[in-house]
Amino acid sequence: MSSSAILITVGAFVAATLLLFALSIWSKTQALDTLKRWAKSQGLEIVSAKRRSFVPTWRSGKGYQFFRITVRDSKGHNRQAWVRCLDFNSAEPWNIEVAWDNEKSETTSP
């Protein structure tokens, strides 16, 4: 293999890796924005939100992102939940699912 072919192969690999990394960051940003809008519509404040790959509540599936969140209500009480929302730009506050700790799953779709 010539040196130019090696450079092209390495360059393509680096470009693909950077593209996947950028899409991952963008997707996470979109989902966090969705979580903030959902929390605001529920009268809650996001204290923390961390994207997770392994979740106990749902079977994982393509096209979803999972978050472990802590929210604060208007009385100052903190609650924790698992959240599942659609990936990429189709994530909206009305199509996320919330599973509060020690409560049944709540679907926020219409």
PDB file of N, CA and C in Angstrom:
ATOM      1  N   MET A   1       0.856  -1.167   0.000  1.00  0.00           N
ATOM      2  CA  MET A   1       0.000   0.000   0.000  1.00  0.00           C
ATOM      3  C   MET A   1       0.904   1.232   0.000  1.00  0.00           C
ATOM      4  N   SER A   2       0.603   2.175  -0.851  1.00  0.00           N
ATOM      5  CA  SER A   2       1.441   3.371  -0.948  1.00  0.00           C
ATOM      6  C   SER A   2       1.156   4.316   0.209  1.00  0.00           C
ATOM      7  N   SER A   3       2.070   5.241   0.432  1.00  0.00           N
ATOM      8  CA  SER A   3       1.909   6.188   1.537  1.00  0.00           C
ATOM      9  C   SER A   3       0.702   7.095   1.322  1.00  0.00           C
ATOM     10  N   SER A   4       0.394   7.457   0.094  1.00  0.00           N
ATOM     11  CA  SER A   4      -0.780   8.309  -0.145  1.00  0.00           C
ATOM     12  C   SER A   4      -2.072   7.543   0.138  1.00  0.00           C
ATOM     13  N   ALA A   5      -2.116   6.257  -0.164  1.00  0.00           N
ATOM     14  CA  ALA A   5      -3.299   5.446   0.136  1.00  0.00           C
ATOM     15  C   ALA A   5      -3.490   5.307   1.641  1.00  0.00           C
ATOM     16  N   ILE A   6      -2.389   5.164   2.358  1.00  0.00           N
ATOM     17  CA  ILE A   6      -2.458   5.079   3.821  1.00  0.00           C
ATOM     18  C   ILE A   6      -2.969   6.394   4.392  1.00  0.00           C
ATOM     19  N   LEU A   7      -2.466   7.515   3.894  1.00  0.00           N
ATOM     20  CA  LEU A   7      -2.921   8.827   4.365  1.00  0.00           C
ATOM     21  C   LEU A   7      -4.406   9.034   4.085  1.00  0.00           C
ATOM     22  N   ILE A   8      -4.864   8.622   2.923  1.00  0.00           N
ATOM     23  CA  ILE A   8      -6.287   8.757   2.586  1.00  0.00           C
ATOM     24  C   ILE A   8      -7.133   7.895   3.518  1.00  0.00           C
ATOM     25  N   THR A   9      -6.700   6.684   3.781  1.00  0.00           N
ATOM     26  CA  THR A   9      -7.429   5.785   4.674  1.00  0.00           C
ATOM     27  C   THR A   9      -7.478   6.344   6.087  1.00  0.00           C
ATOM     28  N   VAL A  10      -6.349   6.791   6.587  1.00  0.00           N
ATOM     29  CA  VAL A  10      -6.294   7.372   7.933  1.00  0.00           C
ATOM     30  C   VAL A  10      -7.136   8.643   7.990  1.00  0.00           C
ATOM     31  N   GLY A  11      -7.040   9.479   6.969  1.00  0.00           N
ATOM     32  CA  GLY A  11      -7.828  10.708   6.919  1.00  0.00           C
ATOM     33  C   GLY A  11      -9.320  10.432   6.920  1.00  0.00           C
ATOM     34  N   ALA A  12      -9.757   9.432   6.165  1.00  0.00           N
ATOM     35  CA  ALA A  12     -11.174   9.066   6.128  1.00  0.00           C
ATOM     36  C   ALA A  12     -11.635   8.551   7.490  1.00  0.00           C
ATOM     37  N   PHE A  13     -10.790   7.751   8.137  1.00  0.00           N
ATOM     38  CA  PHE A  13     -11.126   7.238   9.464  1.00  0.00           C
ATOM     39  C   PHE A  13     -11.253   8.377  10.473  1.00  0.00           C
ATOM     40  N   VAL A  14     -10.313   9.304  10.457  1.00  0.00           N
ATOM     41  CA  VAL A  14     -10.344  10.450  11.378  1.00  0.00           C
ATOM     42  C   VAL A  14     -11.579  11.304  11.107  1.00  0.00           C
ATOM     43  N   ALA A  15     -11.887  11.556   9.843  1.00  0.00           N
ATOM     44  CA  ALA A  15     -13.059  12.363   9.487  1.00  0.00           C
ATOM     45  C   ALA A  15     -14.347  11.692   9.955  1.00  0.00           C
ATOM     46  N   ALA A  16     -14.460  10.389   9.756  1.00  0.00           N
ATOM     47  CA  ALA A  16     -15.653   9.660  10.187  1.00  0.00           C
ATOM     48  C   ALA A  16     -15.785   9.684  11.706  1.00  0.00           C
ATOM     49  N   THR A  17     -14.672   9.523  12.404  1.00  0.00           N
ATOM     50  CA  THR A  17     -14.687   9.563  13.868  1.00  0.00           C
ATOM     51  C   THR A  17     -15.117  10.935  14.364  1.00  0.00           C
ATOM     52  N   LEU A  18     -14.585  11.986  13.777  1.00  0.00           N
ATOM     53  CA  LEU A  18     -14.964  13.348  14.166  1.00  0.00           C
ATOM     54  C   LEU A  18     -16.439  13.618  13.880  1.00  0.00           C
ATOM     55  N   LEU A  19     -16.939  13.131  12.761  1.00  0.00           N
ATOM     56  CA  LEU A  19     -18.347  13.309  12.426  1.00  0.00           C
ATOM     57  C   LEU A  19     -19.239  12.608  13.444  1.00  0.00           C
ATOM     58  N   LEU A  20     -18.916  11.381  13.797  1.00  0.00           N
ATOM     59  CA  LEU A  20     -19.698  10.656  14.799  1.00  0.00           C
ATOM     60  C   LEU A  20     -19.651  11.344  16.156  1.00  0.00           C
ATOM     61  N   PHE A  21     -18.489  11.851  16.531  1.00  0.00           N
ATOM     62  CA  PHE A  21     -18.346  12.574  17.795  1.00  0.00           C
ATOM     63  C   PHE A  21     -19.206  13.838  17.780  1.00  0.00           C
ATOM     64  N   ALA A  22     -19.164  14.587  16.686  1.00  0.00           N
ATOM     65  CA  ALA A  22     -19.956  15.816  16.568  1.00  0.00           C
ATOM     66  C   ALA A  22     -21.450  15.507  16.622  1.00  0.00           C
ATOM     67  N   LEU A  23     -21.890  14.448  15.945  1.00  0.00           N
ATOM     68  CA  LEU A  23     -23.303  14.065  15.987  1.00  0.00           C
ATOM     69  C   LEU A  23     -23.730  13.653  17.388  1.00  0.00           C
ATOM     70  N   SER A  24     -22.861  12.977  18.113  1.00  0.00           N
ATOM     71  CA  SER A  24     -23.165  12.575  19.480  1.00  0.00           C
ATOM     72  C   SER A  24     -23.340  13.789  20.387  1.00  0.00           C
ATOM     73  N   ILE A  25     -22.436  14.754  20.269  1.00  0.00           N
ATOM     74  CA  ILE A  25     -22.525  15.980  21.074  1.00  0.00           C
ATOM     75  C   ILE A  25     -23.788  16.751  20.720  1.00  0.00           C
ATOM     76  N   TRP A  26     -24.065  16.892  19.427  1.00  0.00           N
ATOM     77  CA  TRP A  26     -25.252  17.625  18.984  1.00  0.00           C
ATOM     78  C   TRP A  26     -26.522  16.949  19.490  1.00  0.00           C
ATOM     79  N   SER A  27     -26.576  15.622  19.395  1.00  0.00           N
ATOM     80  CA  SER A  27     -27.736  14.868  19.840  1.00  0.00           C
ATOM     81  C   SER A  27     -27.958  15.040  21.341  1.00  0.00           C
ATOM     82  N   LYS A  28     -26.885  14.983  22.112  1.00  0.00           N
ATOM     83  CA  LYS A  28     -26.999  15.163  23.561  1.00  0.00           C
ATOM     84  C   LYS A  28     -27.491  16.564  23.885  1.00  0.00           C
ATOM     85  N   THR A  29     -26.986  17.566  23.177  1.00  0.00           N
ATOM     86  CA  THR A  29     -27.411  18.949  23.396  1.00  0.00           C
ATOM     87  C   THR A  29     -28.899  19.104  23.109  1.00  0.00           C
ATOM     88  N   GLN A  30     -29.368  18.513  22.007  1.00  0.00           N
ATOM     89  CA  GLN A  30     -30.789  18.572  21.659  1.00  0.00           C
ATOM     90  C   GLN A  30     -31.636  17.915  22.744  1.00  0.00           C
ATOM     91  N   ALA A  31     -31.217  16.754  23.223  1.00  0.00           N
ATOM     92  CA  ALA A  31     -31.974  16.043  24.252  1.00  0.00           C
ATOM     93  C   ALA A  31     -31.989  16.819  25.566  1.00  0.00           C
ATOM     94  N   LEU A  32     -30.877  17.425  25.940  1.00  0.00           N
ATOM     95  CA  LEU A  32     -30.844  18.224  27.173  1.00  0.00           C
ATOM     96  C   LEU A  32     -31.764  19.431  27.063  1.00  0.00           C
ATOM     97  N   ASP A  33     -31.816  20.047  25.890  1.00  0.00           N
ATOM     98  CA  ASP A  33     -32.738  21.161  25.667  1.00  0.00           C
ATOM     99  C   ASP A  33     -34.182  20.683  25.817  1.00  0.00           C
ATOM    100  N   THR A  34     -34.475  19.507  25.291  1.00  0.00           N
ATOM    101  CA  THR A  34     -35.811  18.924  25.426  1.00  0.00           C
ATOM    102  C   THR A  34     -36.142  18.675  26.894  1.00  0.00           C
ATOM    103  N   LEU A  35     -35.187  18.140  27.645  1.00  0.00           N
ATOM    104  CA  LEU A  35     -35.413  17.898  29.072  1.00  0.00           C
ATOM    105  C   LEU A  35     -35.681  19.193  29.823  1.00  0.00           C
ATOM    106  N   LYS A  36     -34.954  20.249  29.485  1.00  0.00           N
ATOM    107  CA  LYS A  36     -35.173  21.541  30.147  1.00  0.00           C
ATOM    108  C   LYS A  36     -36.567  22.080  29.845  1.00  0.00           C
ATOM    109  N   ARG A  37     -37.001  21.958  28.584  1.00  0.00           N
ATOM    110  CA  ARG A  37     -38.345  22.434  28.220  1.00  0.00           C
ATOM    111  C   ARG A  37     -39.417  21.595  28.907  1.00  0.00           C
ATOM    112  N   TRP A  38     -39.201  20.269  28.982  1.00  0.00           N
ATOM    113  CA  TRP A  38     -40.152  19.410  29.673  1.00  0.00           C
ATOM    114  C   TRP A  38     -40.238  19.798  31.146  1.00  0.00           C
ATOM    115  N   ALA A  39     -39.092  19.968  31.798  1.00  0.00           N
ATOM    116  CA  ALA A  39     -39.071  20.317  33.221  1.00  0.00           C
ATOM    117  C   ALA A  39     -39.799  21.638  33.463  1.00  0.00           C
ATOM    118  N   LYS A  40     -39.536  22.620  32.624  1.00  0.00           N
ATOM    119  CA  LYS A  40     -40.191  23.924  32.774  1.00  0.00           C
ATOM    120  C   LYS A  40     -41.704  23.783  32.638  1.00  0.00           C
ATOM    121  N   SER A  41     -42.160  22.972  31.685  1.00  0.00           N
ATOM    122  CA  SER A  41     -43.602  22.782  31.493  1.00  0.00           C
ATOM    123  C   SER A  41     -44.245  22.063  32.678  1.00  0.00           C
ATOM    124  N   GLN A  42     -43.452  21.320  33.448  1.00  0.00           N
ATOM    125  CA  GLN A  42     -43.944  20.597  34.617  1.00  0.00           C
ATOM    126  C   GLN A  42     -43.727  21.373  35.917  1.00  0.00           C
ATOM    127  N   GLY A  43     -43.161  22.575  35.821  1.00  0.00           N
ATOM    128  CA  GLY A  43     -42.868  23.369  37.012  1.00  0.00           C
ATOM    129  C   GLY A  43     -41.674  22.843  37.790  1.00  0.00           C
ATOM    130  N   LEU A  44     -40.735  22.222  37.093  1.00  0.00           N
ATOM    131  CA  LEU A  44     -39.558  21.634  37.724  1.00  0.00           C
ATOM    132  C   LEU A  44     -38.293  22.300  37.215  1.00  0.00           C
ATOM    133  N   GLU A  45     -37.230  22.156  37.990  1.00  0.00           N
ATOM    134  CA  GLU A  45     -35.908  22.657  37.602  1.00  0.00           C
ATOM    135  C   GLU A  45     -34.954  21.467  37.535  1.00  0.00           C
ATOM    136  N   ILE A  46     -34.203  21.371  36.444  1.00  0.00           N
ATOM    137  CA  ILE A  46     -33.214  20.295  36.309  1.00  0.00           C
ATOM    138  C   ILE A  46     -32.024  20.605  37.217  1.00  0.00           C
ATOM    139  N   VAL A  47     -31.744  19.713  38.156  1.00  0.00           N
ATOM    140  CA  VAL A  47     -30.575  19.839  39.023  1.00  0.00           C
ATOM    141  C   VAL A  47     -29.384  19.154  38.359  1.00  0.00           C
ATOM    142  N   SER A  48     -29.626  17.951  37.830  1.00  0.00           N
ATOM    143  CA  SER A  48     -28.585  17.245  37.079  1.00  0.00           C
ATOM    144  C   SER A  48     -29.246  16.330  36.058  1.00  0.00           C
ATOM    145  N   ALA A  49     -28.534  16.126  34.958  1.00  0.00           N
ATOM    146  CA  ALA A  49     -29.001  15.224  33.901  1.00  0.00           C
ATOM    147  C   ALA A  49     -27.773  14.605  33.255  1.00  0.00           C
ATOM    148  N   LYS A  50     -27.683  13.293  33.330  1.00  0.00           N
ATOM    149  CA  LYS A  50     -26.529  12.589  32.763  1.00  0.00           C
ATOM    150  C   LYS A  50     -27.022  11.517  31.804  1.00  0.00           C
ATOM    151  N   ARG A  51     -26.459  11.537  30.597  1.00  0.00           N
ATOM    152  CA  ARG A  51     -26.830  10.529  29.603  1.00  0.00           C
ATOM    153  C   ARG A  51     -26.244   9.190  30.032  1.00  0.00           C
ATOM    154  N   ARG A  52     -27.060   8.146  29.910  1.00  0.00           N
ATOM    155  CA  ARG A  52     -26.645   6.805  30.314  1.00  0.00           C
ATOM    156  C   ARG A  52     -26.865   5.817  29.175  1.00  0.00           C
ATOM    157  N   SER A  53     -25.979   4.852  29.093  1.00  0.00           N
ATOM    158  CA  SER A  53     -26.107   3.801  28.087  1.00  0.00           C
ATOM    159  C   SER A  53     -26.815   2.573  28.646  1.00  0.00           C
ATOM    160  N   PHE A  54     -26.653   2.319  29.928  1.00  0.00           N
ATOM    161  CA  PHE A  54     -27.256   1.152  30.556  1.00  0.00           C
ATOM    162  C   PHE A  54     -28.330   1.625  31.519  1.00  0.00           C
ATOM    163  N   VAL A  55     -29.566   1.179  31.296  1.00  0.00           N
ATOM    164  CA  VAL A  55     -30.691   1.629  32.105  1.00  0.00           C
ATOM    165  C   VAL A  55     -31.468   0.425  32.627  1.00  0.00           C
ATOM    166  N   PRO A  56     -31.977   0.507  33.855  1.00  0.00           N
ATOM    167  CA  PRO A  56     -32.705  -0.625  34.418  1.00  0.00           C
ATOM    168  C   PRO A  56     -34.172  -0.681  34.003  1.00  0.00           C
ATOM    169  N   THR A  57     -34.741   0.427  33.570  1.00  0.00           N
ATOM    170  CA  THR A  57     -36.179   0.518  33.378  1.00  0.00           C
ATOM    171  C   THR A  57     -36.664  -0.014  32.038  1.00  0.00           C
ATOM    172  N   TRP A  58     -36.023   0.382  30.962  1.00  0.00           N
ATOM    173  CA  TRP A  58     -36.460   0.007  29.622  1.00  0.00           C
ATOM    174  C   TRP A  58     -35.442  -0.898  28.962  1.00  0.00           C
ATOM    175  N   ARG A  59     -35.904  -1.627  27.986  1.00  0.00           N
ATOM    176  CA  ARG A  59     -34.964  -2.291  27.090  1.00  0.00           C
ATOM    177  C   ARG A  59     -34.414  -1.208  26.187  1.00  0.00           C
ATOM    178  N   SER A  60     -33.147  -1.235  25.977  1.00  0.00           N
ATOM    179  CA  SER A  60     -32.583  -0.208  25.113  1.00  0.00           C
ATOM    180  C   SER A  60     -33.057  -0.452  23.694  1.00  0.00           C
ATOM    181  N   GLY A  61     -33.095   0.600  22.930  1.00  0.00           N
ATOM    182  CA  GLY A  61     -33.523   0.482  21.550  1.00  0.00           C
ATOM    183  C   GLY A  61     -32.868   1.554  20.708  1.00  0.00           C
ATOM    184  N   LYS A  62     -32.803   1.290  19.431  1.00  0.00           N
ATOM    185  CA  LYS A  62     -32.227   2.286  18.538  1.00  0.00           C
ATOM    186  C   LYS A  62     -33.143   3.500  18.489  1.00  0.00           C
ATOM    187  N   GLY A  63     -32.528   4.654  18.374  1.00  0.00           N
ATOM    188  CA  GLY A  63     -33.301   5.878  18.232  1.00  0.00           C
ATOM    189  C   GLY A  63     -33.696   6.532  19.539  1.00  0.00           C
ATOM    190  N   TYR A  64     -33.192   6.051  20.657  1.00  0.00           N
ATOM    191  CA  TYR A  64     -33.513   6.643  21.957  1.00  0.00           C
ATOM    192  C   TYR A  64     -32.245   7.029  22.700  1.00  0.00           C
ATOM    193  N   GLN A  65     -32.395   8.052  23.533  1.00  0.00           N
ATOM    194  CA  GLN A  65     -31.349   8.415  24.487  1.00  0.00           C
ATOM    195  C   GLN A  65     -31.941   8.251  25.877  1.00  0.00           C
ATOM    196  N   PHE A  66     -31.113   7.853  26.813  1.00  0.00           N
ATOM    197  CA  PHE A  66     -31.550   7.638  28.185  1.00  0.00           C
ATOM    198  C   PHE A  66     -30.764   8.562  29.110  1.00  0.00           C
ATOM    199  N   PHE A  67     -31.478   9.151  30.070  1.00  0.00           N
ATOM    200  CA  PHE A  67     -30.860  10.067  31.018  1.00  0.00           C
ATOM    201  C   PHE A  67     -31.264   9.702  32.431  1.00  0.00           C
ATOM    202  N   ARG A  68     -30.377   9.947  33.346  1.00  0.00           N
ATOM    203  CA  ARG A  68     -30.663   9.881  34.780  1.00  0.00           C
ATOM    204  C   ARG A  68     -30.744  11.328  35.224  1.00  0.00           C
ATOM    205  N   ILE A  69     -31.907  11.732  35.727  1.00  0.00           N
ATOM    206  CA  ILE A  69     -32.092  13.139  36.085  1.00  0.00           C
ATOM    207  C   ILE A  69     -32.447  13.300  37.555  1.00  0.00           C
ATOM    208  N   THR A  70     -32.110  14.462  38.068  1.00  0.00           N
ATOM    209  CA  THR A  70     -32.574  14.930  39.365  1.00  0.00           C
ATOM    210  C   THR A  70     -33.236  16.269  39.109  1.00  0.00           C
ATOM    211  N   VAL A  71     -34.453  16.434  39.612  1.00  0.00           N
ATOM    212  CA  VAL A  71     -35.186  17.687  39.436  1.00  0.00           C
ATOM    213  C   VAL A  71     -35.595  18.230  40.796  1.00  0.00           C
ATOM    214  N   ARG A  72     -35.862  19.527  40.822  1.00  0.00           N
ATOM    215  CA  ARG A  72     -36.321  20.193  42.046  1.00  0.00           C
ATOM    216  C   ARG A  72     -37.680  20.818  41.756  1.00  0.00           C
ATOM    217  N   ASP A  73     -38.644  20.566  42.639  1.00  0.00           N
ATOM    218  CA  ASP A  73     -39.962  21.168  42.452  1.00  0.00           C
ATOM    219  C   ASP A  73     -40.015  22.546  43.104  1.00  0.00           C
ATOM    220  N   SER A  74     -41.175  23.200  43.004  1.00  0.00           N
ATOM    221  CA  SER A  74     -41.311  24.573  43.510  1.00  0.00           C
ATOM    222  C   SER A  74     -41.196  24.659  45.028  1.00  0.00           C
ATOM    223  N   LYS A  75     -41.368  23.536  45.723  1.00  0.00           N
ATOM    224  CA  LYS A  75     -41.234  23.510  47.178  1.00  0.00           C
ATOM    225  C   LYS A  75     -39.816  23.190  47.620  1.00  0.00           C
ATOM    226  N   GLY A  76     -38.920  22.966  46.658  1.00  0.00           N
ATOM    227  CA  GLY A  76     -37.531  22.678  46.975  1.00  0.00           C
ATOM    228  C   GLY A  76     -37.206  21.211  47.164  1.00  0.00           C
ATOM    229  N   HIS A  77     -38.173  20.333  46.891  1.00  0.00           N
ATOM    230  CA  HIS A  77     -37.942  18.895  47.023  1.00  0.00           C
ATOM    231  C   HIS A  77     -37.275  18.351  45.762  1.00  0.00           C
ATOM    232  N   ASN A  78     -36.276  17.504  45.955  1.00  0.00           N
ATOM    233  CA  ASN A  78     -35.593  16.860  44.831  1.00  0.00           C
ATOM    234  C   ASN A  78     -36.204  15.491  44.568  1.00  0.00           C
ATOM    235  N   ARG A  79     -36.327  15.152  43.279  1.00  0.00           N
ATOM    236  CA  ARG A  79     -36.804  13.839  42.853  1.00  0.00           C
ATOM    237  C   ARG A  79     -35.869  13.327  41.771  1.00  0.00           C
ATOM    238  N   GLN A  80     -35.749  12.008  41.692  1.00  0.00           N
ATOM    239  CA  GLN A  80     -34.901  11.404  40.665  1.00  0.00           C
ATOM    240  C   GLN A  80     -35.747  10.526  39.756  1.00  0.00           C
ATOM    241  N   ALA A  81     -35.292  10.436  38.501  1.00  0.00           N
ATOM    242  CA  ALA A  81     -36.020   9.628  37.523  1.00  0.00           C
ATOM    243  C   ALA A  81     -35.099   9.200  36.397  1.00  0.00           C
ATOM    244  N   TRP A  82     -35.556   8.200  35.664  1.00  0.00           N
ATOM    245  CA  TRP A  82     -34.949   7.806  34.402  1.00  0.00           C
ATOM    246  C   TRP A  82     -35.813   8.400  33.303  1.00  0.00           C
ATOM    247  N   VAL A  83     -35.172   8.902  32.261  1.00  0.00           N
ATOM    248  CA  VAL A  83     -35.903   9.514  31.149  1.00  0.00           C
ATOM    249  C   VAL A  83     -35.456   8.864  29.851  1.00  0.00           C
ATOM    250  N   ARG A  84     -36.433   8.585  28.989  1.00  0.00           N
ATOM    251  CA  ARG A  84     -36.145   8.073  27.649  1.00  0.00           C
ATOM    252  C   ARG A  84     -36.733   9.063  26.653  1.00  0.00           C
ATOM    253  N   CYS A  85     -35.899   9.538  25.747  1.00  0.00           N
ATOM    254  CA  CYS A  85     -36.392  10.459  24.725  1.00  0.00           C
ATOM    255  C   CYS A  85     -35.830  10.069  23.367  1.00  0.00           C
ATOM    256  N   LEU A  86     -36.547  10.493  22.330  1.00  0.00           N
ATOM    257  CA  LEU A  86     -36.114  10.197  20.973  1.00  0.00           C
ATOM    258  C   LEU A  86     -34.788  10.863  20.685  1.00  0.00           C
ATOM    259  N   ASP A  87     -34.022  10.230  19.858  1.00  0.00           N
ATOM    260  CA  ASP A  87     -32.698  10.723  19.496  1.00  0.00           C
ATOM    261  C   ASP A  87     -32.794  11.797  18.420  1.00  0.00           C
ATOM    262  N   PHE A  88     -31.745  12.559  18.279  1.00  0.00           N
ATOM    263  CA  PHE A  88     -31.568  13.597  17.268  1.00  0.00           C
ATOM    264  C   PHE A  88     -32.643  14.673  17.368  1.00  0.00           C
ATOM    265  N   ASN A  89     -33.018  15.279  16.254  1.00  0.00           N
ATOM    266  CA  ASN A  89     -33.852  16.479  16.308  1.00  0.00           C
ATOM    267  C   ASN A  89     -35.336  16.205  16.471  1.00  0.00           C
ATOM    268  N   SER A  90     -35.767  14.958  16.602  1.00  0.00           N
ATOM    269  CA  SER A  90     -37.186  14.686  16.796  1.00  0.00           C
ATOM    270  C   SER A  90     -37.561  14.637  18.274  1.00  0.00           C
ATOM    271  N   ALA A  91     -36.614  14.901  19.142  1.00  0.00           N
ATOM    272  CA  ALA A  91     -36.899  14.898  20.578  1.00  0.00           C
ATOM    273  C   ALA A  91     -37.699  16.143  20.935  1.00  0.00           C
ATOM    274  N   GLU A  92     -38.860  15.934  21.506  1.00  0.00           N
ATOM    275  CA  GLU A  92     -39.728  17.016  21.945  1.00  0.00           C
ATOM    276  C   GLU A  92     -40.250  16.675  23.330  1.00  0.00           C
ATOM    277  N   PRO A  93     -40.611  17.698  24.122  1.00  0.00           N
ATOM    278  CA  PRO A  93     -41.061  17.438  25.492  1.00  0.00           C
ATOM    279  C   PRO A  93     -42.274  16.514  25.589  1.00  0.00           C
ATOM    280  N   TRP A  94     -43.116  16.478  24.564  1.00  0.00           N
ATOM    281  CA  TRP A  94     -44.318  15.649  24.644  1.00  0.00           C
ATOM    282  C   TRP A  94     -44.078  14.200  24.239  1.00  0.00           C
ATOM    283  N   ASN A  95     -42.900  13.861  23.756  1.00  0.00           N
ATOM    284  CA  ASN A  95     -42.654  12.456  23.419  1.00  0.00           C
ATOM    285  C   ASN A  95     -41.452  11.885  24.163  1.00  0.00           C
ATOM    286  N   ILE A  96     -41.402  12.190  25.445  1.00  0.00           N
ATOM    287  CA  ILE A  96     -40.424  11.553  26.319  1.00  0.00           C
ATOM    288  C   ILE A  96     -41.176  10.709  27.339  1.00  0.00           C
ATOM    289  N   GLU A  97     -40.496   9.737  27.875  1.00  0.00           N
ATOM    290  CA  GLU A  97     -41.068   8.908  28.928  1.00  0.00           C
ATOM    291  C   GLU A  97     -40.241   9.091  30.189  1.00  0.00           C
ATOM    292  N   VAL A  98     -40.947   9.189  31.312  1.00  0.00           N
ATOM    293  CA  VAL A  98     -40.292   9.411  32.598  1.00  0.00           C
ATOM    294  C   VAL A  98     -40.666   8.275  33.537  1.00  0.00           C
ATOM    295  N   ALA A  99     -39.682   7.694  34.184  1.00  0.00           N
ATOM    296  CA  ALA A  99     -39.911   6.670  35.206  1.00  0.00           C
ATOM    297  C   ALA A  99     -39.330   7.207  36.509  1.00  0.00           C
ATOM    298  N   TRP A 100     -40.217   7.753  37.338  1.00  0.00           N
ATOM    299  CA  TRP A 100     -39.783   8.294  38.621  1.00  0.00           C
ATOM    300  C   TRP A 100     -39.363   7.159  39.533  1.00  0.00           C
ATOM    301  N   ASP A 101     -38.378   7.422  40.362  1.00  0.00           N
ATOM    302  CA  ASP A 101     -37.969   6.422  41.344  1.00  0.00           C
ATOM    303  C   ASP A 101     -39.161   6.106  42.242  1.00  0.00           C
ATOM    304  N   ASN A 102     -39.405   4.824  42.459  1.00  0.00           N
ATOM    305  CA  ASN A 102     -40.478   4.339  43.330  1.00  0.00           C
ATOM    306  C   ASN A 102     -41.878   4.678  42.837  1.00  0.00           C
ATOM    307  N   GLU A 103     -42.045   4.943  41.549  1.00  0.00           N
ATOM    308  CA  GLU A 103     -43.365   5.197  40.974  1.00  0.00           C
ATOM    309  C   GLU A 103     -43.480   4.481  39.644  1.00  0.00           C
ATOM    310  N   LYS A 104     -44.707   4.380  39.140  1.00  0.00           N
ATOM    311  CA  LYS A 104     -44.924   3.766  37.834  1.00  0.00           C
ATOM    312  C   LYS A 104     -44.429   4.692  36.737  1.00  0.00           C
ATOM    313  N   SER A 105     -44.140   4.117  35.574  1.00  0.00           N
ATOM    314  CA  SER A 105     -43.675   4.880  34.413  1.00  0.00           C
ATOM    315  C   SER A 105     -44.762   5.825  33.930  1.00  0.00           C
ATOM    316  N   GLU A 106     -44.342   7.024  33.562  1.00  0.00           N
ATOM    317  CA  GLU A 106     -45.259   8.048  33.066  1.00  0.00           C
ATOM    318  C   GLU A 106     -44.843   8.402  31.642  1.00  0.00           C
ATOM    319  N   THR A 107     -45.768   8.256  30.708  1.00  0.00           N
ATOM    320  CA  THR A 107     -45.496   8.656  29.334  1.00  0.00           C
ATOM    321  C   THR A 107     -46.068  10.042  29.138  1.00  0.00           C
ATOM    322  N   THR A 108     -45.263  10.957  28.640  1.00  0.00           N
ATOM    323  CA  THR A 108     -45.732  12.327  28.475  1.00  0.00           C
ATOM    324  C   THR A 108     -46.197  12.598  27.061  1.00  0.00           C
ATOM    325  N   SER A 109     -46.445  11.539  26.284  1.00  0.00           N
ATOM    326  CA  SER A 109     -46.968  11.761  24.940  1.00  0.00           C
ATOM    327  C   SER A 109     -48.469  12.009  25.025  1.00  0.00           C
ATOM    328  N   PRO A 110     -49.048  12.713  24.021  1.00  0.00           N
ATOM    329  CA  PRO A 110     -50.472  13.085  24.080  1.00  0.00           C
ATOM    330  C   PRO A 110     -51.407  11.904  24.091  1.00  0.00           C
TER     331      PRO A 110
END
